[in-house]
């Protein structure tokens, strides 16, 4: 596993399973895995809506996390670097 520490999120990428385990987003602790298509879906949504005043994303459909417009752009950069790791 390879540790990833981005500006907005951190976690570990498991090359054998081709999966990213998200461990923190902003200052919130979590534990969820993202397959390639899930990461691409999140990335695609944020790209389409990056010019808005920000976004609210949910973890486990329960905990809402507010992202400013600048944080959305930073999260996009984090997601881009992770997406290059998938095969």
N, C-alpha and C. Protein backbone atom coordinates (compact mmCIF):
# COMPACT_ATOMS: atom_id res chain seq x y z
N UNK A 1 0.83 -1.18 0.00
CA UNK A 1 0.00 0.00 0.00
C UNK A 1 0.87 1.24 0.00
N UNK A 2 0.39 2.23 -0.69
CA UNK A 2 1.11 3.49 -0.79
C UNK A 2 0.30 4.58 -0.10
N UNK A 3 0.92 5.30 0.85
CA UNK A 3 0.25 6.38 1.54
C UNK A 3 0.16 7.61 0.65
N UNK A 4 -0.99 8.25 0.68
CA UNK A 4 -1.25 9.47 -0.09
C UNK A 4 -1.63 10.56 0.90
N UNK A 5 -0.96 11.69 0.84
CA UNK A 5 -1.32 12.84 1.66
C UNK A 5 -1.48 14.02 0.72
N UNK A 6 -2.74 14.39 0.48
CA UNK A 6 -3.03 15.53 -0.36
C UNK A 6 -3.33 16.76 0.48
N UNK A 7 -3.77 17.80 -0.18
CA UNK A 7 -4.12 19.03 0.53
C UNK A 7 -5.45 18.91 1.28
N UNK A 8 -6.40 18.16 0.71
CA UNK A 8 -7.73 18.03 1.29
C UNK A 8 -7.97 16.64 1.85
N UNK A 9 -7.38 15.63 1.23
CA UNK A 9 -7.65 14.26 1.67
C UNK A 9 -6.37 13.48 1.84
N UNK A 10 -6.50 12.36 2.56
CA UNK A 10 -5.37 11.44 2.70
C UNK A 10 -5.92 10.03 2.78
N UNK A 11 -5.05 9.08 2.50
CA UNK A 11 -5.44 7.69 2.54
C UNK A 11 -4.34 6.80 2.02
N UNK A 12 -4.74 5.60 1.61
CA UNK A 12 -3.77 4.64 1.09
C UNK A 12 -4.28 4.03 -0.20
N UNK A 13 -3.37 3.85 -1.14
CA UNK A 13 -3.72 3.21 -2.40
C UNK A 13 -3.19 1.79 -2.38
N UNK A 14 -4.09 0.83 -2.60
CA UNK A 14 -3.73 -0.59 -2.64
C UNK A 14 -3.62 -0.99 -4.10
N UNK A 15 -2.40 -1.13 -4.57
CA UNK A 15 -2.16 -1.47 -5.98
C UNK A 15 -2.69 -2.86 -6.33
N UNK A 16 -2.61 -3.78 -5.39
CA UNK A 16 -3.06 -5.15 -5.65
C UNK A 16 -4.57 -5.21 -5.90
N UNK A 17 -5.33 -4.44 -5.13
CA UNK A 17 -6.79 -4.42 -5.29
C UNK A 17 -7.26 -3.27 -6.17
N UNK A 18 -6.33 -2.39 -6.58
CA UNK A 18 -6.66 -1.25 -7.42
C UNK A 18 -7.75 -0.39 -6.77
N UNK A 19 -7.53 -0.04 -5.48
CA UNK A 19 -8.50 0.69 -4.70
C UNK A 19 -7.83 1.73 -3.82
N UNK A 20 -8.49 2.85 -3.65
CA UNK A 20 -8.02 3.89 -2.75
C UNK A 20 -8.87 3.88 -1.49
N UNK A 21 -8.22 3.83 -0.33
CA UNK A 21 -8.93 3.90 0.95
C UNK A 21 -8.79 5.31 1.49
N UNK A 22 -9.89 6.03 1.50
CA UNK A 22 -9.94 7.39 2.02
C UNK A 22 -9.96 7.32 3.54
N UNK A 23 -9.03 8.05 4.17
CA UNK A 23 -8.95 8.02 5.63
C UNK A 23 -9.29 9.36 6.27
N UNK A 24 -8.95 10.46 5.62
CA UNK A 24 -9.35 11.78 6.11
C UNK A 24 -9.75 12.65 4.94
N UNK A 25 -10.71 13.53 5.18
CA UNK A 25 -11.08 14.57 4.22
C UNK A 25 -11.32 15.82 5.03
N UNK A 26 -10.61 16.87 4.67
CA UNK A 26 -10.48 18.07 5.49
C UNK A 26 -9.97 17.60 6.85
N UNK A 27 -10.65 17.88 7.92
CA UNK A 27 -10.16 17.43 9.23
C UNK A 27 -10.98 16.27 9.78
N UNK A 28 -11.80 15.66 8.92
CA UNK A 28 -12.69 14.59 9.35
C UNK A 28 -12.05 13.21 9.10
N UNK A 29 -12.11 12.35 10.10
CA UNK A 29 -11.64 10.98 9.96
C UNK A 29 -12.74 10.13 9.35
N UNK A 30 -12.36 9.26 8.45
CA UNK A 30 -13.32 8.35 7.81
C UNK A 30 -12.58 7.09 7.41
N UNK A 31 -13.28 6.14 6.91
CA UNK A 31 -12.66 4.93 6.38
C UNK A 31 -13.59 4.40 5.31
N UNK A 32 -13.29 4.71 4.07
CA UNK A 32 -14.10 4.24 2.96
C UNK A 32 -13.20 3.99 1.76
N UNK A 33 -13.57 3.02 0.94
CA UNK A 33 -12.77 2.72 -0.24
C UNK A 33 -13.44 3.29 -1.49
N UNK A 34 -12.61 3.70 -2.41
CA UNK A 34 -13.07 4.24 -3.69
C UNK A 34 -12.48 3.42 -4.83
N UNK A 35 -13.34 2.83 -5.59
CA UNK A 35 -12.90 2.16 -6.81
C UNK A 35 -12.71 3.22 -7.88
N UNK A 36 -12.09 2.83 -8.97
CA UNK A 36 -11.78 3.77 -10.04
C UNK A 36 -13.03 4.50 -10.55
N UNK A 37 -14.11 3.77 -10.79
CA UNK A 37 -15.31 4.41 -11.33
C UNK A 37 -15.94 5.37 -10.31
N UNK A 38 -15.84 5.08 -9.03
CA UNK A 38 -16.38 5.97 -8.01
C UNK A 38 -15.58 7.27 -7.95
N UNK A 39 -14.26 7.14 -8.00
CA UNK A 39 -13.41 8.33 -8.00
C UNK A 39 -13.67 9.16 -9.25
N UNK A 40 -13.81 8.51 -10.39
CA UNK A 40 -14.08 9.24 -11.64
C UNK A 40 -15.44 9.94 -11.60
N UNK A 41 -16.43 9.32 -10.98
CA UNK A 41 -17.75 9.94 -10.85
C UNK A 41 -17.68 11.19 -9.98
N UNK A 42 -17.00 11.09 -8.86
CA UNK A 42 -16.83 12.24 -7.97
C UNK A 42 -16.07 13.35 -8.68
N UNK A 43 -15.00 12.99 -9.36
CA UNK A 43 -14.21 13.97 -10.10
C UNK A 43 -15.05 14.66 -11.17
N UNK A 44 -15.81 13.87 -11.93
CA UNK A 44 -16.64 14.43 -12.99
C UNK A 44 -17.70 15.39 -12.45
N UNK A 45 -18.31 15.03 -11.33
CA UNK A 45 -19.31 15.90 -10.72
C UNK A 45 -18.68 17.23 -10.29
N UNK A 46 -17.53 17.14 -9.62
CA UNK A 46 -16.87 18.36 -9.14
C UNK A 46 -16.39 19.24 -10.28
N UNK A 47 -15.93 18.64 -11.37
CA UNK A 47 -15.50 19.41 -12.54
C UNK A 47 -16.68 20.22 -13.10
N UNK A 48 -17.84 19.57 -13.21
CA UNK A 48 -19.03 20.23 -13.77
C UNK A 48 -19.52 21.36 -12.88
N UNK A 49 -19.26 21.28 -11.58
CA UNK A 49 -19.81 22.25 -10.64
C UNK A 49 -18.75 23.07 -9.93
N UNK A 50 -17.54 23.12 -10.46
CA UNK A 50 -16.46 23.81 -9.78
C UNK A 50 -16.60 25.33 -9.77
N UNK A 51 -17.39 25.89 -10.67
CA UNK A 51 -17.53 27.34 -10.74
C UNK A 51 -18.63 27.87 -9.82
N UNK A 52 -19.28 26.98 -9.09
CA UNK A 52 -20.30 27.41 -8.15
C UNK A 52 -19.61 27.89 -6.87
N UNK A 53 -20.39 28.35 -5.91
CA UNK A 53 -19.84 28.92 -4.67
C UNK A 53 -19.19 27.90 -3.75
N UNK A 54 -19.22 26.67 -4.12
CA UNK A 54 -18.68 25.60 -3.31
C UNK A 54 -19.60 24.40 -3.42
N UNK A 55 -19.29 23.38 -2.68
CA UNK A 55 -20.09 22.16 -2.71
C UNK A 55 -20.21 21.60 -1.30
N UNK A 56 -21.23 20.80 -1.13
CA UNK A 56 -21.38 20.03 0.10
C UNK A 56 -21.35 18.57 -0.31
N UNK A 57 -20.41 17.84 0.25
CA UNK A 57 -20.33 16.41 -0.03
C UNK A 57 -20.71 15.66 1.25
N UNK A 58 -21.17 14.44 1.08
CA UNK A 58 -21.56 13.67 2.27
C UNK A 58 -20.70 12.42 2.38
N UNK A 59 -20.42 12.07 3.61
CA UNK A 59 -19.75 10.81 3.91
C UNK A 59 -20.79 9.88 4.49
N UNK A 60 -20.90 8.71 3.92
CA UNK A 60 -21.85 7.70 4.39
C UNK A 60 -23.29 8.20 4.36
N UNK A 61 -23.60 9.17 3.49
CA UNK A 61 -24.93 9.77 3.39
C UNK A 61 -25.40 10.33 4.72
N UNK A 62 -24.49 10.68 5.59
CA UNK A 62 -24.86 11.19 6.91
C UNK A 62 -24.12 12.46 7.28
N UNK A 63 -22.82 12.47 7.13
CA UNK A 63 -22.03 13.61 7.57
C UNK A 63 -21.75 14.53 6.38
N UNK A 64 -22.23 15.76 6.48
CA UNK A 64 -22.06 16.73 5.40
C UNK A 64 -20.79 17.54 5.62
N UNK A 65 -20.03 17.71 4.54
CA UNK A 65 -18.79 18.47 4.59
C UNK A 65 -18.87 19.59 3.57
N UNK A 66 -18.72 20.81 4.04
CA UNK A 66 -18.78 21.99 3.17
C UNK A 66 -17.39 22.24 2.58
N UNK A 67 -17.35 22.41 1.26
CA UNK A 67 -16.11 22.75 0.56
C UNK A 67 -16.30 24.09 -0.14
N UNK A 68 -15.39 25.00 0.11
CA UNK A 68 -15.42 26.28 -0.60
C UNK A 68 -15.02 26.05 -2.05
N UNK A 69 -15.20 27.05 -2.88
CA UNK A 69 -14.83 26.93 -4.29
C UNK A 69 -13.33 26.61 -4.41
N UNK A 70 -12.51 27.23 -3.59
CA UNK A 70 -11.07 26.96 -3.62
C UNK A 70 -10.76 25.54 -3.14
N UNK A 71 -11.47 25.07 -2.13
CA UNK A 71 -11.26 23.70 -1.65
C UNK A 71 -11.68 22.68 -2.70
N UNK A 72 -12.72 22.97 -3.47
CA UNK A 72 -13.13 22.08 -4.56
C UNK A 72 -11.99 21.94 -5.56
N UNK A 73 -11.38 23.05 -5.92
CA UNK A 73 -10.26 23.01 -6.87
C UNK A 73 -9.08 22.23 -6.30
N UNK A 74 -8.83 22.38 -5.03
CA UNK A 74 -7.74 21.65 -4.39
C UNK A 74 -8.06 20.16 -4.33
N UNK A 75 -9.30 19.82 -4.01
CA UNK A 75 -9.73 18.42 -3.99
C UNK A 75 -9.61 17.80 -5.37
N UNK A 76 -9.95 18.55 -6.41
CA UNK A 76 -9.81 18.06 -7.78
C UNK A 76 -8.36 17.70 -8.08
N UNK A 77 -7.44 18.53 -7.63
CA UNK A 77 -6.01 18.24 -7.85
C UNK A 77 -5.61 16.96 -7.10
N UNK A 78 -6.12 16.80 -5.86
CA UNK A 78 -5.83 15.57 -5.11
C UNK A 78 -6.37 14.35 -5.85
N UNK A 79 -7.60 14.46 -6.34
CA UNK A 79 -8.23 13.34 -7.05
C UNK A 79 -7.49 13.01 -8.35
N UNK A 80 -7.00 14.03 -9.04
CA UNK A 80 -6.23 13.80 -10.27
C UNK A 80 -4.98 12.97 -9.98
N UNK A 81 -4.29 13.30 -8.92
CA UNK A 81 -3.06 12.56 -8.61
C UNK A 81 -3.37 11.12 -8.22
N UNK A 82 -4.49 10.90 -7.54
CA UNK A 82 -4.88 9.54 -7.18
C UNK A 82 -5.32 8.76 -8.43
N UNK A 83 -6.05 9.42 -9.30
CA UNK A 83 -6.57 8.72 -10.49
C UNK A 83 -5.46 8.15 -11.37
N UNK A 84 -4.29 8.78 -11.35
CA UNK A 84 -3.15 8.29 -12.14
C UNK A 84 -2.60 6.96 -11.60
N UNK A 85 -2.98 6.61 -10.38
CA UNK A 85 -2.46 5.39 -9.77
C UNK A 85 -3.28 4.16 -10.17
N UNK A 86 -4.51 4.37 -10.60
CA UNK A 86 -5.36 3.23 -10.99
C UNK A 86 -4.83 2.63 -12.29
N UNK A 87 -5.03 1.32 -12.44
CA UNK A 87 -4.63 0.66 -13.70
C UNK A 87 -5.81 -0.07 -14.27
